[in-house]
Amino acid sequence: MPFIKNLTQWIIGGATVLAVVAAGVAYFDLPAADRAALWHHVGRVLVWIGLVLVLPWATFFVSTAAARRESNAAGAVLVAGYTIVDGVLLWLLVGVPQGAFLILAAVFGLLVALTYNLLTCDWIAERNA
């Protein structure tokens, strides 16, 4: 079994290196205007990620209040509310995604934000309730 594990690690590592090199070549092959547009969008996505990370902590008192109610419905409404706010922020910062890949990326990002909101609100509620 160690042979299969090592072989799998080498294959995944090689595929990762190949993907990074291909992305680098593709990036430097882009015209300057397209590179600037790419960084513009990457910056907006990074701002959105920062807002997603800060939102539950900046409003920790809401998580604490929901935990004191001892109701699953209150927690579900809280997490859903945070995720809706995350979706609106994504829409305001990036706009409506055009194309199947960008729609899937936005949905994936919102699912990750939902999971983060759930885990963070649960942790805050356990510590402060």
C-alpha atoms as a PDB file:
ATOM      1  CA  MET A   1       0.000   0.000   0.000  1.00  0.00           C
ATOM      2  CA  PRO A   2       2.791   2.528   0.621  1.00  0.00           C
ATOM      3  CA  PHE A   3       3.715   2.212  -3.064  1.00  0.00           C
ATOM      4  CA  ILE A   4       0.196   3.211  -4.176  1.00  0.00           C
ATOM      5  CA  LYS A   5       0.131   6.078  -1.682  1.00  0.00           C
ATOM      6  CA  ASN A   6       3.488   7.390  -2.897  1.00  0.00           C
ATOM      7  CA  LEU A   7       2.489   6.982  -6.530  1.00  0.00           C
ATOM      8  CA  THR A   8      -0.749   8.887  -5.904  1.00  0.00           C
ATOM      9  CA  GLN A   9       1.168  11.690  -4.181  1.00  0.00           C
ATOM     10  CA  TRP A  10       3.574  11.951  -7.123  1.00  0.00           C
ATOM     11  CA  ILE A  11       0.711  12.057  -9.626  1.00  0.00           C
ATOM     12  CA  ILE A  12      -1.202  14.726  -7.679  1.00  0.00           C
ATOM     13  CA  GLY A  13       1.985  16.737  -7.151  1.00  0.00           C
ATOM     14  CA  GLY A  14       2.907  16.515 -10.829  1.00  0.00           C
ATOM     15  CA  ALA A  15      -0.589  17.530 -11.911  1.00  0.00           C
ATOM     16  CA  THR A  16      -0.462  20.504  -9.542  1.00  0.00           C
ATOM     17  CA  VAL A  17       2.914  21.648 -10.849  1.00  0.00           C
ATOM     18  CA  LEU A  18       1.687  21.245 -14.423  1.00  0.00           C
ATOM     19  CA  ALA A  19      -1.440  23.298 -13.669  1.00  0.00           C
ATOM     20  CA  VAL A  20       0.604  26.081 -12.041  1.00  0.00           C
ATOM     21  CA  VAL A  21       3.023  26.227 -14.988  1.00  0.00           C
ATOM     22  CA  ALA A  22       0.138  26.220 -17.486  1.00  0.00           C
ATOM     23  CA  ALA A  23      -1.614  29.012 -15.557  1.00  0.00           C
ATOM     24  CA  GLY A  24       1.608  31.032 -15.513  1.00  0.00           C
ATOM     25  CA  VAL A  25       2.126  30.625 -19.245  1.00  0.00           C
ATOM     26  CA  ALA A  26      -1.515  31.521 -19.914  1.00  0.00           C
ATOM     27  CA  TYR A  27      -1.258  34.577 -17.649  1.00  0.00           C
ATOM     28  CA  PHE A  28       1.850  35.952 -19.348  1.00  0.00           C
ATOM     29  CA  ASP A  29       0.319  35.222 -22.748  1.00  0.00           C
ATOM     30  CA  LEU A  30      -2.609  37.555 -21.972  1.00  0.00           C
ATOM     31  CA  PRO A  31      -2.637  41.107 -23.315  1.00  0.00           C
ATOM     32  CA  ALA A  32      -1.941  43.817 -20.725  1.00  0.00           C
ATOM     33  CA  ALA A  33      -5.569  44.986 -20.657  1.00  0.00           C
ATOM     34  CA  ASP A  34      -6.812  41.477 -19.922  1.00  0.00           C
ATOM     35  CA  ARG A  35      -4.234  41.056 -17.158  1.00  0.00           C
ATOM     36  CA  ALA A  36      -5.378  44.307 -15.566  1.00  0.00           C
ATOM     37  CA  ALA A  37      -9.016  43.179 -15.763  1.00  0.00           C
ATOM     38  CA  LEU A  38      -8.066  39.847 -14.200  1.00  0.00           C
ATOM     39  CA  TRP A  39      -6.388  41.537 -11.234  1.00  0.00           C
ATOM     40  CA  HIS A  40      -9.347  43.890 -10.904  1.00  0.00           C
ATOM     41  CA  HIS A  41     -11.704  40.938 -10.468  1.00  0.00           C
ATOM     42  CA  VAL A  42      -9.296  39.015  -8.243  1.00  0.00           C
ATOM     43  CA  GLY A  43      -9.084  42.055  -5.962  1.00  0.00           C
ATOM     44  CA  ARG A  44     -12.875  42.263  -5.723  1.00  0.00           C
ATOM     45  CA  VAL A  45     -13.131  38.557  -4.902  1.00  0.00           C
ATOM     46  CA  LEU A  46     -10.476  38.961  -2.188  1.00  0.00           C
ATOM     47  CA  VAL A  47     -12.441  41.870  -0.693  1.00  0.00           C
ATOM     48  CA  TRP A  48     -15.560  39.674  -0.709  1.00  0.00           C
ATOM     49  CA  ILE A  49     -13.693  36.852   1.039  1.00  0.00           C
ATOM     50  CA  GLY A  50     -12.508  39.318   3.680  1.00  0.00           C
ATOM     51  CA  LEU A  51     -16.049  40.560   4.257  1.00  0.00           C
ATOM     52  CA  VAL A  52     -17.346  36.991   4.524  1.00  0.00           C
ATOM     53  CA  LEU A  53     -14.691  36.208   7.122  1.00  0.00           C
ATOM     54  CA  VAL A  54     -15.376  39.330   9.205  1.00  0.00           C
ATOM     55  CA  LEU A  55     -19.197  39.465   9.123  1.00  0.00           C
ATOM     56  CA  PRO A  56     -20.007  36.808  11.777  1.00  0.00           C
ATOM     57  CA  TRP A  57     -17.298  38.114  14.102  1.00  0.00           C
ATOM     58  CA  ALA A  58     -18.346  41.749  13.732  1.00  0.00           C
ATOM     59  CA  THR A  59     -21.891  40.785  14.702  1.00  0.00           C
ATOM     60  CA  PHE A  60     -21.088  38.135  17.321  1.00  0.00           C
ATOM     61  CA  PHE A  61     -23.768  39.547  19.625  1.00  0.00           C
ATOM     62  CA  VAL A  62     -26.419  38.352  17.144  1.00  0.00           C
ATOM     63  CA  SER A  63     -25.081  34.791  17.344  1.00  0.00           C
ATOM     64  CA  THR A  64     -25.091  35.018  21.116  1.00  0.00           C
ATOM     65  CA  ALA A  65     -28.687  36.271  21.141  1.00  0.00           C
ATOM     66  CA  ALA A  66     -29.776  33.455  18.812  1.00  0.00           C
ATOM     67  CA  ALA A  67     -28.040  30.888  21.037  1.00  0.00           C
ATOM     68  CA  ARG A  68     -29.842  32.189  24.119  1.00  0.00           C
ATOM     69  CA  ARG A  69     -33.173  31.486  22.437  1.00  0.00           C
ATOM     70  CA  GLU A  70     -32.196  27.803  22.319  1.00  0.00           C
ATOM     71  CA  SER A  71     -34.018  27.379  19.033  1.00  0.00           C
ATOM     72  CA  ASN A  72     -32.738  25.679  15.912  1.00  0.00           C
ATOM     73  CA  ALA A  73     -34.984  27.957  13.854  1.00  0.00           C
ATOM     74  CA  ALA A  74     -33.241  31.054  15.221  1.00  0.00           C
ATOM     75  CA  GLY A  75     -29.848  29.619  14.316  1.00  0.00           C
ATOM     76  CA  ALA A  76     -31.037  28.612  10.857  1.00  0.00           C
ATOM     77  CA  VAL A  77     -32.454  32.084  10.198  1.00  0.00           C
ATOM     78  CA  LEU A  78     -29.189  33.648  11.404  1.00  0.00           C
ATOM     79  CA  VAL A  79     -26.980  31.495   9.148  1.00  0.00           C
ATOM     80  CA  ALA A  80     -29.358  31.974   6.205  1.00  0.00           C
ATOM     81  CA  GLY A  81     -29.316  35.734   6.797  1.00  0.00           C
ATOM     82  CA  TYR A  82     -25.530  35.846   6.825  1.00  0.00           C
ATOM     83  CA  THR A  83     -25.400  33.786   3.631  1.00  0.00           C
ATOM     84  CA  ILE A  84     -27.924  36.053   1.919  1.00  0.00           C
ATOM     85  CA  VAL A  85     -25.841  39.086   2.916  1.00  0.00           C
ATOM     86  CA  ASP A  86     -22.767  37.293   1.519  1.00  0.00           C
ATOM     87  CA  GLY A  87     -24.597  36.678  -1.754  1.00  0.00           C
ATOM     88  CA  VAL A  88     -25.674  40.311  -2.028  1.00  0.00           C
ATOM     89  CA  LEU A  89     -22.121  41.474  -1.321  1.00  0.00           C
ATOM     90  CA  LEU A  90     -20.814  39.119  -3.994  1.00  0.00           C
ATOM     91  CA  TRP A  91     -23.352  40.456  -6.475  1.00  0.00           C
ATOM     92  CA  LEU A  92     -22.470  44.086  -5.620  1.00  0.00           C
ATOM     93  CA  LEU A  93     -18.713  43.539  -5.844  1.00  0.00           C
ATOM     94  CA  VAL A  94     -18.442  41.175  -8.796  1.00  0.00           C
ATOM     95  CA  GLY A  95     -21.771  41.473 -10.577  1.00  0.00           C
ATOM     96  CA  VAL A  96     -23.858  38.775 -12.169  1.00  0.00           C
ATOM     97  CA  PRO A  97     -21.647  35.885 -13.289  1.00  0.00           C
ATOM     98  CA  GLN A  98     -21.688  35.258 -17.038  1.00  0.00           C
ATOM     99  CA  GLY A  99     -21.098  31.707 -18.189  1.00  0.00           C
ATOM    100  CA  ALA A 100     -21.427  28.291 -16.609  1.00  0.00           C
ATOM    101  CA  PHE A 101     -17.973  28.271 -14.981  1.00  0.00           C
ATOM    102  CA  LEU A 102     -18.468  31.604 -13.231  1.00  0.00           C
ATOM    103  CA  ILE A 103     -21.944  30.614 -12.058  1.00  0.00           C
ATOM    104  CA  LEU A 104     -20.543  27.386 -10.614  1.00  0.00           C
ATOM    105  CA  ALA A 105     -17.687  29.314  -8.984  1.00  0.00           C
ATOM    106  CA  ALA A 106     -20.166  31.743  -7.397  1.00  0.00           C
ATOM    107  CA  VAL A 107     -22.357  28.889  -6.142  1.00  0.00           C
ATOM    108  CA  PHE A 108     -19.296  27.095  -4.761  1.00  0.00           C
ATOM    109  CA  GLY A 109     -18.157  30.301  -3.038  1.00  0.00           C
ATOM    110  CA  LEU A 110     -21.575  30.774  -1.471  1.00  0.00           C
ATOM    111  CA  LEU A 111     -21.626  27.152  -0.277  1.00  0.00           C
ATOM    112  CA  VAL A 112     -18.218  27.651   1.330  1.00  0.00           C
ATOM    113  CA  ALA A 113     -19.515  30.894   2.905  1.00  0.00           C
ATOM    114  CA  LEU A 114     -22.580  29.027   4.194  1.00  0.00           C
ATOM    115  CA  THR A 115     -20.383  26.365   5.789  1.00  0.00           C
ATOM    116  CA  TYR A 116     -18.106  29.002   7.310  1.00  0.00           C
ATOM    117  CA  ASN A 117     -21.096  30.928   8.680  1.00  0.00           C
ATOM    118  CA  LEU A 118     -22.561  27.773  10.214  1.00  0.00           C
ATOM    119  CA  LEU A 119     -19.324  26.706  11.883  1.00  0.00           C
ATOM    120  CA  THR A 120     -18.443  30.213  13.066  1.00  0.00           C
ATOM    121  CA  CYS A 121     -21.882  30.972  14.480  1.00  0.00           C
ATOM    122  CA  ASP A 122     -21.913  27.623  16.249  1.00  0.00           C
ATOM    123  CA  TRP A 123     -18.481  28.265  17.764  1.00  0.00           C
ATOM    124  CA  ILE A 124     -19.423  31.789  18.890  1.00  0.00           C
ATOM    125  CA  ALA A 125     -22.693  30.542  20.372  1.00  0.00           C
ATOM    126  CA  GLU A 126     -20.963  27.774  22.332  1.00  0.00           C
ATOM    127  CA  ARG A 127     -18.382  30.156  23.770  1.00  0.00           C
ATOM    128  CA  ASN A 128     -20.710  33.030  24.692  1.00  0.00           C
ATOM    129  CA  ALA A 129     -24.034  31.422  25.553  1.00  0.00           C
END
